[in-house]
Structure formats: C-alpha cells, structure tokens
PDB file of all heavy atoms in Angstrom:
ATOM      1  N   ASP A   1     -44.009 -90.540 -87.613  1.00  0.00           N
ATOM      2  CA  ASP A   1     -43.913 -90.375 -89.069  1.00  0.00           C
ATOM      3  C   ASP A   1     -45.053 -91.122 -89.741  1.00  0.00           C
ATOM      4  O   ASP A   1     -45.561 -92.124 -89.208  1.00  0.00           O
ATOM      5  CB  ASP A   1     -42.581 -90.916 -89.592  1.00  0.00           C
ATOM      6  CG  ASP A   1     -41.380 -90.168 -89.033  1.00  0.00           C
ATOM      7  OD1 ASP A   1     -41.064 -89.090 -89.566  1.00  0.00           O
ATOM      8  OD2 ASP A   1     -40.785 -90.661 -88.052  1.00  0.00           O
ATOM      9  N   VAL A   2     -45.436 -90.651 -90.937  1.00  0.00           N
ATOM     10  CA  VAL A   2     -46.491 -91.289 -91.721  1.00  0.00           C
ATOM     11  C   VAL A   2     -46.020 -91.456 -93.156  1.00  0.00           C
ATOM     12  O   VAL A   2     -45.468 -90.525 -93.755  1.00  0.00           O
ATOM     13  CB  VAL A   2     -47.794 -90.470 -91.698  1.00  0.00           C
ATOM     14  CG1 VAL A   2     -48.848 -91.114 -92.605  1.00  0.00           C
ATOM     15  CG2 VAL A   2     -48.329 -90.346 -90.289  1.00  0.00           C
ATOM     16  N   ILE A   3     -46.219 -92.646 -93.699  1.00  0.00           N
ATOM     17  CA  ILE A   3     -45.966 -92.912 -95.121  1.00  0.00           C
ATOM     18  C   ILE A   3     -47.309 -93.134 -95.797  1.00  0.00           C
ATOM     19  O   ILE A   3     -48.097 -93.980 -95.362  1.00  0.00           O
ATOM     20  CB  ILE A   3     -45.072 -94.158 -95.299  1.00  0.00           C
ATOM     21  CG1 ILE A   3     -43.663 -93.874 -94.781  1.00  0.00           C
ATOM     22  CG2 ILE A   3     -45.024 -94.591 -96.765  1.00  0.00           C
ATOM     23  CD1 ILE A   3     -42.760 -95.103 -94.752  1.00  0.00           C
ATOM     24  N   VAL A   4     -47.591 -92.349 -96.832  1.00  0.00           N
ATOM     25  CA  VAL A   4     -48.834 -92.495 -97.591  1.00  0.00           C
ATOM     26  C   VAL A   4     -48.494 -93.214 -98.898  1.00  0.00           C
ATOM     27  O   VAL A   4     -47.868 -92.641 -99.789  1.00  0.00           O
ATOM     28  CB  VAL A   4     -49.492 -91.133 -97.865  1.00  0.00           C
ATOM     29  CG1 VAL A   4     -50.786 -91.315 -98.666  1.00  0.00           C
ATOM     30  CG2 VAL A   4     -49.778 -90.405 -96.550  1.00  0.00           C
ATOM     31  N   ALA A   5     -48.887 -94.480 -98.972  1.00  0.00           N
ATOM     32  CA  ALA A   5     -48.543 -95.328-100.121  1.00  0.00           C
ATOM     33  C   ALA A   5     -49.830 -95.837-100.752  1.00  0.00           C
ATOM     34  O   ALA A   5     -50.125 -97.022-100.769  1.00  0.00           O
ATOM     35  CB  ALA A   5     -47.664 -96.491 -99.668  1.00  0.00           C
ATOM     36  N   THR A   6     -50.622 -94.903-101.306  1.00  0.00           N
ATOM     37  CA  THR A   6     -51.960 -95.224-101.804  1.00  0.00           C
ATOM     38  C   THR A   6     -52.084 -95.027-103.315  1.00  0.00           C
ATOM     39  O   THR A   6     -53.136 -94.626-103.809  1.00  0.00           O
ATOM     40  CB  THR A   6     -53.005 -94.350-101.098  1.00  0.00           C
ATOM     41  OG1 THR A   6     -52.634 -92.964-101.234  1.00  0.00           O
ATOM     42  CG2 THR A   6     -53.115 -94.698 -99.631  1.00  0.00           C
ATOM     43  N   ASN A   7     -51.024 -95.313-104.064  1.00  0.00           N
ATOM     44  CA  ASN A   7     -51.001 -95.130-105.519  1.00  0.00           C
ATOM     45  C   ASN A   7     -50.961 -93.653-105.872  1.00  0.00           C
ATOM     46  O   ASN A   7     -49.963 -93.154-106.360  1.00  0.00           O
ATOM     47  CB  ASN A   7     -52.171 -95.853-106.193  1.00  0.00           C
ATOM     48  CG  ASN A   7     -52.014 -95.915-107.701  1.00  0.00           C
ATOM     49  OD1 ASN A   7     -52.893 -95.488-108.434  1.00  0.00           O
ATOM     50  ND2 ASN A   7     -50.897 -96.460-108.159  1.00  0.00           N
ATOM     51  N   LEU A   8     -52.040 -92.923-105.676  1.00  0.00           N
ATOM     52  CA  LEU A   8     -52.003 -91.461-105.702  1.00  0.00           C
ATOM     53  C   LEU A   8     -52.302 -90.996-104.284  1.00  0.00           C
ATOM     54  O   LEU A   8     -53.277 -91.450-103.681  1.00  0.00           O
ATOM     55  CB  LEU A   8     -53.042 -90.892-106.673  1.00  0.00           C
ATOM     56  CG  LEU A   8     -53.065 -89.357-106.792  1.00  0.00           C
ATOM     57  CD1 LEU A   8     -51.762 -88.836-107.396  1.00  0.00           C
ATOM     58  CD2 LEU A   8     -54.263 -88.888-107.615  1.00  0.00           C
ATOM     59  N   PRO A   9     -51.467 -90.111-103.729  1.00  0.00           N
ATOM     60  CA  PRO A   9     -51.697 -89.698-102.336  1.00  0.00           C
ATOM     61  C   PRO A   9     -53.119 -89.188-102.119  1.00  0.00           C
ATOM     62  O   PRO A   9     -53.645 -88.430-102.936  1.00  0.00           O
ATOM     63  CB  PRO A   9     -50.660 -88.587-102.136  1.00  0.00           C
ATOM     64  CG  PRO A   9     -49.553 -88.930-103.083  1.00  0.00           C
ATOM     65  CD  PRO A   9     -50.242 -89.514-104.285  1.00  0.00           C
ATOM     66  N   ILE A  10     -53.743 -89.633-101.019  1.00  0.00           N
ATOM     67  CA  ILE A  10     -55.094 -89.199-100.706  1.00  0.00           C
ATOM     68  C   ILE A  10     -55.105 -87.791-100.133  1.00  0.00           C
ATOM     69  O   ILE A  10     -56.172 -87.210 -99.925  1.00  0.00           O
ATOM     70  CB  ILE A  10     -55.761 -90.161 -99.697  1.00  0.00           C
ATOM     71  CG1 ILE A  10     -54.924 -90.239 -98.410  1.00  0.00           C
ATOM     72  CG2 ILE A  10     -55.957 -91.534-100.306  1.00  0.00           C
ATOM     73  CD1 ILE A  10     -55.589 -91.009 -97.289  1.00  0.00           C
ATOM     74  N   LEU A  11     -53.932 -87.209 -99.889  1.00  0.00           N
ATOM     75  CA  LEU A  11     -53.841 -85.891 -99.278  1.00  0.00           C
ATOM     76  C   LEU A  11     -53.750 -84.827-100.360  1.00  0.00           C
ATOM     77  O   LEU A  11     -52.882 -84.870-101.225  1.00  0.00           O
ATOM     78  CB  LEU A  11     -52.618 -85.809 -98.363  1.00  0.00           C
ATOM     79  CG  LEU A  11     -52.469 -86.964 -97.360  1.00  0.00           C
ATOM     80  CD1 LEU A  11     -51.204 -86.779 -96.527  1.00  0.00           C
ATOM     81  CD2 LEU A  11     -53.699 -87.027 -96.456  1.00  0.00           C
ATOM     82  N   ASP A  12     -54.638 -83.829-100.319  1.00  0.00           N
ATOM     83  CA  ASP A  12     -54.707 -82.835-101.386  1.00  0.00           C
ATOM     84  C   ASP A  12     -53.586 -81.801-101.333  1.00  0.00           C
ATOM     85  O   ASP A  12     -53.337 -81.115-102.315  1.00  0.00           O
ATOM     86  CB  ASP A  12     -56.053 -82.102-101.326  1.00  0.00           C
ATOM     87  CG  ASP A  12     -57.208 -83.003-101.707  1.00  0.00           C
ATOM     88  OD1 ASP A  12     -56.972 -83.964-102.460  1.00  0.00           O
ATOM     89  OD2 ASP A  12     -58.337 -82.739-101.251  1.00  0.00           O
ATOM     90  N   GLN A  13     -52.886 -81.692-100.186  1.00  0.00           N
ATOM     91  CA  GLN A  13     -51.897 -80.633-100.071  1.00  0.00           C
ATOM     92  C   GLN A  13     -50.553 -80.993-100.701  1.00  0.00           C
ATOM     93  O   GLN A  13     -49.623 -80.208-100.672  1.00  0.00           O
ATOM     94  CB  GLN A  13     -51.684 -80.247 -98.601  1.00  0.00           C
ATOM     95  CG  GLN A  13     -51.010 -81.308 -97.735  1.00  0.00           C
ATOM     96  CD  GLN A  13     -51.992 -82.159 -96.971  1.00  0.00           C
ATOM     97  OE1 GLN A  13     -53.027 -82.511 -97.499  1.00  0.00           O
ATOM     98  NE2 GLN A  13     -51.668 -82.498 -95.730  1.00  0.00           N
ATOM     99  N   GLY A  14     -50.415 -82.150-101.317  1.00  0.00           N
ATOM    100  CA  GLY A  14     -49.129 -82.639-101.765  1.00  0.00           C
ATOM    101  C   GLY A  14     -48.615 -82.079-103.067  1.00  0.00           C
ATOM    102  O   GLY A  14     -48.281 -82.824-103.984  1.00  0.00           O
ATOM    103  N   LEU A  15     -48.553 -80.733-103.163  1.00  0.00           N
ATOM    104  CA  LEU A  15     -47.967 -80.095-104.346  1.00  0.00           C
ATOM    105  C   LEU A  15     -48.586 -80.630-105.635  1.00  0.00           C
ATOM    106  O   LEU A  15     -47.921 -80.811-106.639  1.00  0.00           O
ATOM    107  CB  LEU A  15     -46.437 -80.275-104.369  1.00  0.00           C
ATOM    108  CG  LEU A  15     -45.683 -79.539-103.269  1.00  0.00           C
ATOM    109  CD1 LEU A  15     -44.188 -79.756-103.415  1.00  0.00           C
ATOM    110  CD2 LEU A  15     -45.986 -78.051-103.276  1.00  0.00           C
ATOM    111  N   PHE A  16     -49.880 -80.915-105.593  1.00  0.00           N
ATOM    112  CA  PHE A  16     -50.640 -81.270-106.787  1.00  0.00           C
ATOM    113  C   PHE A  16     -50.072 -82.470-107.523  1.00  0.00           C
ATOM    114  O   PHE A  16     -49.805 -82.416-108.711  1.00  0.00           O
ATOM    115  CB  PHE A  16     -50.733 -80.061-107.722  1.00  0.00           C
ATOM    116  CG  PHE A  16     -51.264 -78.825-107.058  1.00  0.00           C
ATOM    117  CD1 PHE A  16     -50.454 -77.718-106.870  1.00  0.00           C
ATOM    118  CD2 PHE A  16     -52.567 -78.780-106.596  1.00  0.00           C
ATOM    119  CE1 PHE A  16     -50.941 -76.583-106.237  1.00  0.00           C
ATOM    120  CE2 PHE A  16     -53.059 -77.648-105.965  1.00  0.00           C
ATOM    121  CZ  PHE A  16     -52.251 -76.553-105.784  1.00  0.00           C
ATOM    122  N   PHE A  17     -49.881 -83.570-106.802  1.00  0.00           N
ATOM    123  CA  PHE A  17     -49.428 -84.792-107.472  1.00  0.00           C
ATOM    124  C   PHE A  17     -50.409 -85.204-108.563  1.00  0.00           C
ATOM    125  O   PHE A  17     -50.024 -85.758-109.578  1.00  0.00           O
ATOM    126  CB  PHE A  17     -49.264 -85.930-106.455  1.00  0.00           C
ATOM    127  CG  PHE A  17     -48.111 -85.726-105.520  1.00  0.00           C
ATOM    128  CD1 PHE A  17     -48.325 -85.548-104.161  1.00  0.00           C
ATOM    129  CD2 PHE A  17     -46.811 -85.695-105.987  1.00  0.00           C
ATOM    130  CE1 PHE A  17     -47.262 -85.352-103.290  1.00  0.00           C
ATOM    131  CE2 PHE A  17     -45.738 -85.504-105.126  1.00  0.00           C
ATOM    132  CZ  PHE A  17     -45.971 -85.322-103.777  1.00  0.00           C
ATOM    133  N   PHE A  18     -51.696 -84.891-108.360  1.00  0.00           N
ATOM    134  CA  PHE A  18     -52.696 -85.249-109.360  1.00  0.00           C
ATOM    135  C   PHE A  18     -52.544 -84.423-110.627  1.00  0.00           C
ATOM    136  O   PHE A  18     -53.090 -84.780-111.671  1.00  0.00           O
ATOM    137  CB  PHE A  18     -54.118 -85.101-108.790  1.00  0.00           C
ATOM    138  CG  PHE A  18     -54.419 -83.728-108.233  1.00  0.00           C
ATOM    139  CD1 PHE A  18     -54.710 -82.667-109.062  1.00  0.00           C
ATOM    140  CD2 PHE A  18     -54.419 -83.510-106.868  1.00  0.00           C
ATOM    141  CE1 PHE A  18     -54.981 -81.409-108.548  1.00  0.00           C
ATOM    142  CE2 PHE A  18     -54.692 -82.255-106.343  1.00  0.00           C
ATOM    143  CZ  PHE A  18     -54.979 -81.201-107.194  1.00  0.00           C
ATOM    144  N   ALA A  19     -51.793 -83.303-110.562  1.00  0.00           N
ATOM    145  CA  ALA A  19     -51.554 -82.493-111.750  1.00  0.00           C
ATOM    146  C   ALA A  19     -50.228 -82.837-112.424  1.00  0.00           C
ATOM    147  O   ALA A  19     -49.970 -82.412-113.549  1.00  0.00           O
ATOM    148  CB  ALA A  19     -51.561 -81.006-111.376  1.00  0.00           C
ATOM    149  N   LYS A  20     -49.385 -83.601-111.725  1.00  0.00           N
ATOM    150  CA  LYS A  20     -48.078 -83.970-112.276  1.00  0.00           C
ATOM    151  C   LYS A  20     -48.049 -85.415-112.766  1.00  0.00           C
ATOM    152  O   LYS A  20     -47.022 -85.910-113.207  1.00  0.00           O
ATOM    153  CB  LYS A  20     -46.990 -83.751-111.218  1.00  0.00           C
ATOM    154  CG  LYS A  20     -46.858 -82.298-110.796  1.00  0.00           C
ATOM    155  CD  LYS A  20     -45.692 -82.069-109.845  1.00  0.00           C
ATOM    156  CE  LYS A  20     -45.948 -82.593-108.451  1.00  0.00           C
ATOM    157  NZ  LYS A  20     -44.890 -82.180-107.501  1.00  0.00           N
ATOM    158  N   THR A  21     -49.203 -86.081-112.636  1.00  0.00           N
ATOM    159  CA  THR A  21     -49.344 -87.461-113.088  1.00  0.00           C
ATOM    160  C   THR A  21     -50.728 -87.604-113.708  1.00  0.00           C
ATOM    161  O   THR A  21     -51.583 -86.727-113.558  1.00  0.00           O
ATOM    162  CB  THR A  21     -49.234 -88.455-111.921  1.00  0.00           C
ATOM    163  OG1 THR A  21     -50.286 -88.190-110.980  1.00  0.00           O
ATOM    164  CG2 THR A  21     -47.886 -88.358-111.218  1.00  0.00           C
ATOM    165  N   TYR A  22     -50.953 -88.720-114.392  1.00  0.00           N
ATOM    166  CA  TYR A  22     -52.315 -89.010-114.844  1.00  0.00           C
ATOM    167  C   TYR A  22     -52.578 -90.506-114.677  1.00  0.00           C
ATOM    168  O   TYR A  22     -51.653 -91.315-114.735  1.00  0.00           O
ATOM    169  CB  TYR A  22     -52.535 -88.570-116.296  1.00  0.00           C
ATOM    170  CG  TYR A  22     -51.845 -89.410-117.339  1.00  0.00           C
ATOM    171  CD1 TYR A  22     -52.488 -90.513-117.910  1.00  0.00           C
ATOM    172  CD2 TYR A  22     -50.559 -89.103-117.777  1.00  0.00           C
ATOM    173  CE1 TYR A  22     -51.863 -91.288-118.872  1.00  0.00           C
ATOM    174  CE2 TYR A  22     -49.932 -89.866-118.735  1.00  0.00           C
ATOM    175  CZ  TYR A  22     -50.584 -90.955-119.292  1.00  0.00           C
ATOM    176  OH  TYR A  22     -49.957 -91.726-120.230  1.00  0.00           O
ATOM    177  N   PRO A  23     -53.839 -90.894-114.444  1.00  0.00           N
ATOM    178  CA  PRO A  23     -54.161 -92.296-114.193  1.00  0.00           C
ATOM    179  C   PRO A  23     -54.362 -93.069-115.492  1.00  0.00           C
ATOM    180  O   PRO A  23     -55.171 -92.686-116.330  1.00  0.00           O
ATOM    181  CB  PRO A  23     -55.461 -92.217-113.388  1.00  0.00           C
ATOM    182  CG  PRO A  23     -56.122 -90.972-113.881  1.00  0.00           C
ATOM    183  CD  PRO A  23     -55.016 -90.019-114.238  1.00  0.00           C
ATOM    184  N   LYS A  24     -53.645 -94.169-115.651  1.00  0.00           N
ATOM    185  CA  LYS A  24     -53.764 -95.001-116.848  1.00  0.00           C
ATOM    186  C   LYS A  24     -54.260 -96.387-116.455  1.00  0.00           C
ATOM    187  O   LYS A  24     -53.744 -96.997-115.521  1.00  0.00           O
ATOM    188  CB  LYS A  24     -52.420 -95.113-117.569  1.00  0.00           C
ATOM    189  CG  LYS A  24     -52.514 -95.866-118.900  1.00  0.00           C
ATOM    190  CD  LYS A  24     -51.214 -95.816-119.670  1.00  0.00           C
ATOM    191  CE  LYS A  24     -51.348 -96.538-121.018  1.00  0.00           C
ATOM    192  NZ  LYS A  24     -50.080 -96.484-121.797  1.00  0.00           N
ATOM    193  N   ARG A  25     -55.242 -96.862-117.183  1.00  0.00           N
ATOM    194  CA  ARG A  25     -55.838 -98.169-116.915  1.00  0.00           C
ATOM    195  C   ARG A  25     -55.415 -99.143-118.006  1.00  0.00           C
ATOM    196  O   ARG A  25     -55.299 -98.780-119.174  1.00  0.00           O
ATOM    197  CB  ARG A  25     -57.356 -98.052-116.872  1.00  0.00           C
ATOM    198  CG  ARG A  25     -58.029 -99.253-116.258  1.00  0.00           C
ATOM    199  CD  ARG A  25     -59.341 -98.912-115.584  1.00  0.00           C
ATOM    200  NE  ARG A  25     -59.735-100.030-114.712  1.00  0.00           N
ATOM    201  CZ  ARG A  25     -59.299-100.187-113.483  1.00  0.00           C
ATOM    202  NH1 ARG A  25     -58.467 -99.308-112.961  1.00  0.00           N
ATOM    203  NH2 ARG A  25     -59.664-101.227-112.763  1.00  0.00           N
ATOM    204  N   SER A  26     -55.157-100.403-117.634  1.00  0.00           N
ATOM    205  CA  SER A  26     -54.793-101.429-118.609  1.00  0.00           C
ATOM    206  C   SER A  26     -55.474-102.735-118.224  1.00  0.00           C
ATOM    207  O   SER A  26     -56.008-102.874-117.116  1.00  0.00           O
ATOM    208  CB  SER A  26     -53.274-101.604-118.690  1.00  0.00           C
ATOM    209  OG  SER A  26     -52.728-101.863-117.411  1.00  0.00           O
ATOM    210  N   TYR A  27     -55.429-103.723-119.118  1.00  0.00           N
ATOM    211  CA  TYR A  27     -56.245-104.928-118.998  1.00  0.00           C
ATOM    212  C   TYR A  27     -55.379-106.168-119.176  1.00  0.00           C
ATOM    213  O   TYR A  27     -54.385-106.147-119.909  1.00  0.00           O
ATOM    214  CB  TYR A  27     -57.372-104.888-120.038  1.00  0.00           C
ATOM    215  CG  TYR A  27     -58.237-103.683-119.841  1.00  0.00           C
ATOM    216  CD1 TYR A  27     -57.837-102.426-120.319  1.00  0.00           C
ATOM    217  CD2 TYR A  27     -59.411-103.752-119.100  1.00  0.00           C
ATOM    218  CE1 TYR A  27     -58.591-101.291-120.092  1.00  0.00           C
ATOM    219  CE2 TYR A  27     -60.178-102.616-118.864  1.00  0.00           C
ATOM    220  CZ  TYR A  27     -59.762-101.393-119.359  1.00  0.00           C
ATOM    221  OH  TYR A  27     -60.498-100.270-119.097  1.00  0.00           O
ATOM    222  N   ILE A  28     -55.761-107.251-118.483  1.00  0.00           N
ATOM    223  CA  ILE A  28     -54.986-108.494-118.492  1.00  0.00           C
ATOM    224  C   ILE A  28     -55.938-109.668-118.637  1.00  0.00           C
ATOM    225  O   ILE A  28     -57.001-109.695-118.009  1.00  0.00           O
ATOM    226  CB  ILE A  28     -54.168-108.649-117.189  1.00  0.00           C
ATOM    227  CG1 ILE A  28     -53.261-107.438-116.961  1.00  0.00           C
ATOM    228  CG2 ILE A  28     -53.323-109.937-117.233  1.00  0.00           C
ATOM    229  CD1 ILE A  28     -52.673-107.363-115.564  1.00  0.00           C
ATOM    230  N   ILE A  29     -55.552-110.634-119.463  1.00  0.00           N
ATOM    231  CA  ILE A  29     -56.294-111.896-119.532  1.00  0.00           C
ATOM    232  C   ILE A  29     -55.324-113.035-119.246  1.00  0.00           C
ATOM    233  O   ILE A  29     -54.116-112.918-119.474  1.00  0.00           O
ATOM    234  CB  ILE A  29     -56.957-112.103-120.917  1.00  0.00           C
ATOM    235  CG1 ILE A  29     -55.910-112.022-122.042  1.00  0.00           C
ATOM    236  CG2 ILE A  29     -58.068-111.091-121.137  1.00  0.00           C
ATOM    237  CD1 ILE A  29     -56.461-112.388-123.402  1.00  0.00           C
ATOM    238  N   GLY A  30     -55.852-114.130-118.707  1.00  0.00           N
ATOM    239  CA  GLY A  30     -55.029-115.293-118.399  1.00  0.00           C
ATOM    240  C   GLY A  30     -55.623-116.535-119.026  1.00  0.00           C
ATOM    241  O   GLY A  30     -56.842-116.745-118.980  1.00  0.00           O
ATOM    242  N   ALA A  31     -54.776-117.364-119.627  1.00  0.00           N
ATOM    243  CA  ALA A  31     -55.233-118.594-120.280  1.00  0.00           C
ATOM    244  C   ALA A  31     -54.172-119.674-120.130  1.00  0.00           C
ATOM    245  O   ALA A  31     -52.970-119.393-120.209  1.00  0.00           O
ATOM    246  CB  ALA A  31     -55.508-118.342-121.764  1.00  0.00           C
ATOM    247  N   MET A  32     -54.605-120.897-119.899  1.00  0.00           N
ATOM    248  CA  MET A  32     -53.661-122.011-119.835  1.00  0.00           C
ATOM    249  C   MET A  32     -53.031-122.220-121.214  1.00  0.00           C
ATOM    250  O   MET A  32     -53.699-122.092-122.246  1.00  0.00           O
ATOM    251  CB  MET A  32     -54.366-123.283-119.394  1.00  0.00           C
ATOM    252  CG  MET A  32     -54.938-123.227-117.986  1.00  0.00           C
ATOM    253  SD  MET A  32     -53.720-122.833-116.699  1.00  0.00           S
ATOM    254  CE  MET A  32     -52.654-124.291-116.765  1.00  0.00           C
ATOM    255  N   ILE A  33     -51.726-122.542-121.202  1.00  0.00           N
ATOM    256  CA  ILE A  33     -51.001-122.743-122.452  1.00  0.00           C
ATOM    257  C   ILE A  33     -50.123-123.983-122.334  1.00  0.00           C
ATOM    258  O   ILE A  33     -49.600-124.286-121.246  1.00  0.00           O
ATOM    259  CB  ILE A  33     -50.145-121.492-122.806  1.00  0.00           C
ATOM    260  CG1 ILE A  33     -49.535-121.626-124.204  1.00  0.00           C
ATOM    261  CG2 ILE A  33     -49.077-121.231-121.751  1.00  0.00           C
ATOM    262  CD1 ILE A  33     -48.868-120.347-124.701  1.00  0.00           C
ATOM    263  N   ASP A  34     -49.988-124.699-123.404  1.00  0.00           N
ATOM    264  CA  ASP A  34     -49.109-125.866-123.460  1.00  0.00           C
ATOM    265  C   ASP A  34     -47.682-125.400-123.160  1.00  0.00           C
ATOM    266  O   ASP A  34     -47.155-124.531-123.859  1.00  0.00           O
ATOM    267  CB  ASP A  34     -49.180-126.484-124.859  1.00  0.00           C
ATOM    268  CG  ASP A  34     -48.331-127.745-124.995  1.00  0.00           C
ATOM    269  OD1 ASP A  34     -47.477-127.989-124.116  1.00  0.00           O
ATOM    270  OD2 ASP A  34     -48.506-128.460-125.989  1.00  0.00           O
ATOM    271  N   PRO A  35     -47.052-125.942-122.110  1.00  0.00           N
ATOM    272  CA  PRO A  35     -45.688-125.504-121.777  1.00  0.00           C
ATOM    273  C   PRO A  35     -44.719-125.598-122.954  1.00  0.00           C
ATOM    274  O   PRO A  35     -43.777-124.798-123.047  1.00  0.00           O
ATOM    275  CB  PRO A  35     -45.281-126.456-120.654  1.00  0.00           C
ATOM    276  CG  PRO A  35     -46.578-126.833-120.002  1.00  0.00           C
ATOM    277  CD  PRO A  35     -47.574-126.914-121.124  1.00  0.00           C
TER     278      PRO A  35
END
C-alpha cells in the first residue's frame, strides 16, 4: 500500500484534486512579548 501525504497529491490521476481545491498562502511573524 502507498499513502501520498504531500499537501496536494503529486499524482495527476487523482480525480483532479487540483480542480477541487485551491492553494492559499498566508504569513506569520513572531515577536517576544511581556508575559
């Protein structure tokens, strides 16, 4: 058995997962804060 756990499957035959989802990018910053 094989599990493909690569965020979006790298295999093109997978019933067009790339057409049923879209890639969203987001941003994070980190800063020290007084507890």
